[in-house]
Amino acid sequence: MKILPVLAAIALILCITSVLPTDTAEGDVLRIHVRANSNSTEDQQIKMQVKDAIVGYLTPLLADCDTKQKAKETVKENIKGIL
């Protein structure tokens, strides 16, 4: 099943917490990048499905986070729900 390698890659990305500053004044935004196995249409569709599932899962958990550090801690505490 092709989704398993994608999920494994996402788990790795989340474990190392791919956090990049943004153009916001505070630079206090947590960004998570989901990468596909390739640029094929199928892999890109899977990536979008995985991204949507992760966003759906994390949105309510992160709703009350007011700092990037709190968001990082919340993601780490809930990583098993993403895997």
C-alpha atoms as a PDB file:
ATOM      1  CA  MET A   1       0.000   0.000   0.000  1.00  0.00           C
ATOM      2  CA  LYS A   2       1.511   3.329  -1.088  1.00  0.00           C
ATOM      3  CA  ILE A   3       0.164   5.372   1.799  1.00  0.00           C
ATOM      4  CA  LEU A   4       2.406   3.654   4.365  1.00  0.00           C
ATOM      5  CA  PRO A   5       5.665   5.114   3.008  1.00  0.00           C
ATOM      6  CA  VAL A   6       4.026   8.532   2.885  1.00  0.00           C
ATOM      7  CA  LEU A   7       2.863   8.234   6.488  1.00  0.00           C
ATOM      8  CA  ALA A   8       6.322   7.091   7.560  1.00  0.00           C
ATOM      9  CA  ALA A   9       7.866  10.114   5.856  1.00  0.00           C
ATOM     10  CA  ILE A  10       5.373  12.407   7.536  1.00  0.00           C
ATOM     11  CA  ALA A  11       6.060  10.854  10.909  1.00  0.00           C
ATOM     12  CA  LEU A  12       9.762  11.453  10.407  1.00  0.00           C
ATOM     13  CA  ILE A  13       9.156  15.032   9.369  1.00  0.00           C
ATOM     14  CA  LEU A  14       6.969  15.640  12.392  1.00  0.00           C
ATOM     15  CA  CYS A  15       9.406  13.959  14.754  1.00  0.00           C
ATOM     16  CA  ILE A  16      12.161  16.296  13.738  1.00  0.00           C
ATOM     17  CA  THR A  17       9.618  19.123  13.868  1.00  0.00           C
ATOM     18  CA  SER A  18      10.016  20.926  10.622  1.00  0.00           C
ATOM     19  CA  VAL A  19       9.468  24.423  11.982  1.00  0.00           C
ATOM     20  CA  LEU A  20      10.282  27.405   9.838  1.00  0.00           C
ATOM     21  CA  PRO A  21       9.814  31.082  10.587  1.00  0.00           C
ATOM     22  CA  THR A  22       7.270  32.828   8.412  1.00  0.00           C
ATOM     23  CA  ASP A  23       6.866  36.364   7.181  1.00  0.00           C
ATOM     24  CA  THR A  24       4.666  37.249  10.150  1.00  0.00           C
ATOM     25  CA  ALA A  25       5.883  39.983  12.455  1.00  0.00           C
ATOM     26  CA  GLU A  26       6.302  37.585  15.349  1.00  0.00           C
ATOM     27  CA  GLY A  27       7.774  34.691  13.373  1.00  0.00           C
ATOM     28  CA  ASP A  28       5.916  32.594  15.930  1.00  0.00           C
ATOM     29  CA  VAL A  29       4.136  30.179  13.622  1.00  0.00           C
ATOM     30  CA  LEU A  30       4.487  26.390  13.494  1.00  0.00           C
ATOM     31  CA  ARG A  31       4.659  25.031   9.960  1.00  0.00           C
ATOM     32  CA  ILE A  32       4.497  21.352   9.110  1.00  0.00           C
ATOM     33  CA  HIS A  33       5.474  20.227   5.644  1.00  0.00           C
ATOM     34  CA  VAL A  34       4.053  17.087   4.080  1.00  0.00           C
ATOM     35  CA  ARG A  35       6.137  15.695   1.246  1.00  0.00           C
ATOM     36  CA  ALA A  36       5.091  13.221  -1.402  1.00  0.00           C
ATOM     37  CA  ASN A  37       7.198  10.295  -2.572  1.00  0.00           C
ATOM     38  CA  SER A  38       7.307  11.837  -6.045  1.00  0.00           C
ATOM     39  CA  ASN A  39       5.632  14.374  -8.292  1.00  0.00           C
ATOM     40  CA  SER A  40       3.305  11.773  -9.781  1.00  0.00           C
ATOM     41  CA  THR A  41      -0.386  12.600  -9.718  1.00  0.00           C
ATOM     42  CA  GLU A  42      -1.107   9.622  -7.474  1.00  0.00           C
ATOM     43  CA  ASP A  43       1.566  10.533  -4.909  1.00  0.00           C
ATOM     44  CA  GLN A  44       0.423  14.165  -4.901  1.00  0.00           C
ATOM     45  CA  GLN A  45      -3.185  13.085  -4.292  1.00  0.00           C
ATOM     46  CA  ILE A  46      -2.075  10.868  -1.406  1.00  0.00           C
ATOM     47  CA  LYS A  47      -0.032  13.729   0.024  1.00  0.00           C
ATOM     48  CA  MET A  48      -3.091  15.996  -0.024  1.00  0.00           C
ATOM     49  CA  GLN A  49      -5.227  13.334   1.678  1.00  0.00           C
ATOM     50  CA  VAL A  50      -2.596  12.884   4.375  1.00  0.00           C
ATOM     51  CA  LYS A  51      -2.230  16.654   4.805  1.00  0.00           C
ATOM     52  CA  ASP A  52      -5.982  17.080   5.146  1.00  0.00           C
ATOM     53  CA  ALA A  53      -6.137  14.299   7.750  1.00  0.00           C
ATOM     54  CA  ILE A  54      -3.269  15.810   9.758  1.00  0.00           C
ATOM     55  CA  VAL A  55      -4.770  19.304   9.618  1.00  0.00           C
ATOM     56  CA  GLY A  56      -8.145  17.923  10.670  1.00  0.00           C
ATOM     57  CA  TYR A  57      -6.568  16.095  13.593  1.00  0.00           C
ATOM     58  CA  LEU A  58      -4.306  18.922  14.764  1.00  0.00           C
ATOM     59  CA  THR A  59      -6.607  21.923  14.313  1.00  0.00           C
ATOM     60  CA  PRO A  60      -8.679  21.382  17.471  1.00  0.00           C
ATOM     61  CA  LEU A  61      -5.579  20.379  19.457  1.00  0.00           C
ATOM     62  CA  LEU A  62      -3.720  23.533  18.467  1.00  0.00           C
ATOM     63  CA  ALA A  63      -6.660  25.934  18.765  1.00  0.00           C
ATOM     64  CA  ASP A  64      -5.590  27.226  22.173  1.00  0.00           C
ATOM     65  CA  CYS A  65      -1.852  27.353  21.481  1.00  0.00           C
ATOM     66  CA  ASP A  66      -0.684  30.942  21.529  1.00  0.00           C
ATOM     67  CA  THR A  67       3.033  30.344  20.930  1.00  0.00           C
ATOM     68  CA  LYS A  68       5.099  28.243  18.572  1.00  0.00           C
ATOM     69  CA  GLN A  69       6.681  26.471  21.551  1.00  0.00           C
ATOM     70  CA  LYS A  70       3.268  25.455  22.929  1.00  0.00           C
ATOM     71  CA  ALA A  71       2.245  24.216  19.462  1.00  0.00           C
ATOM     72  CA  LYS A  72       5.448  22.157  19.166  1.00  0.00           C
ATOM     73  CA  GLU A  73       4.849  20.605  22.577  1.00  0.00           C
ATOM     74  CA  THR A  74       1.241  19.795  21.680  1.00  0.00           C
ATOM     75  CA  VAL A  75       2.293  18.123  18.431  1.00  0.00           C
ATOM     76  CA  LYS A  76       4.938  16.076  20.243  1.00  0.00           C
ATOM     77  CA  GLU A  77       2.432  15.036  22.934  1.00  0.00           C
ATOM     78  CA  ASN A  78      -0.039  13.894  20.264  1.00  0.00           C
ATOM     79  CA  ILE A  79       2.356  12.370  17.725  1.00  0.00           C
ATOM     80  CA  LYS A  80       0.877   8.880  18.192  1.00  0.00           C
ATOM     81  CA  GLY A  81      -2.472  10.152  16.947  1.00  0.00           C
ATOM     82  CA  ILE A  82      -0.789  11.263  13.738  1.00  0.00           C
ATOM     83  CA  LEU A  83       1.058   8.018  13.193  1.00  0.00           C
END
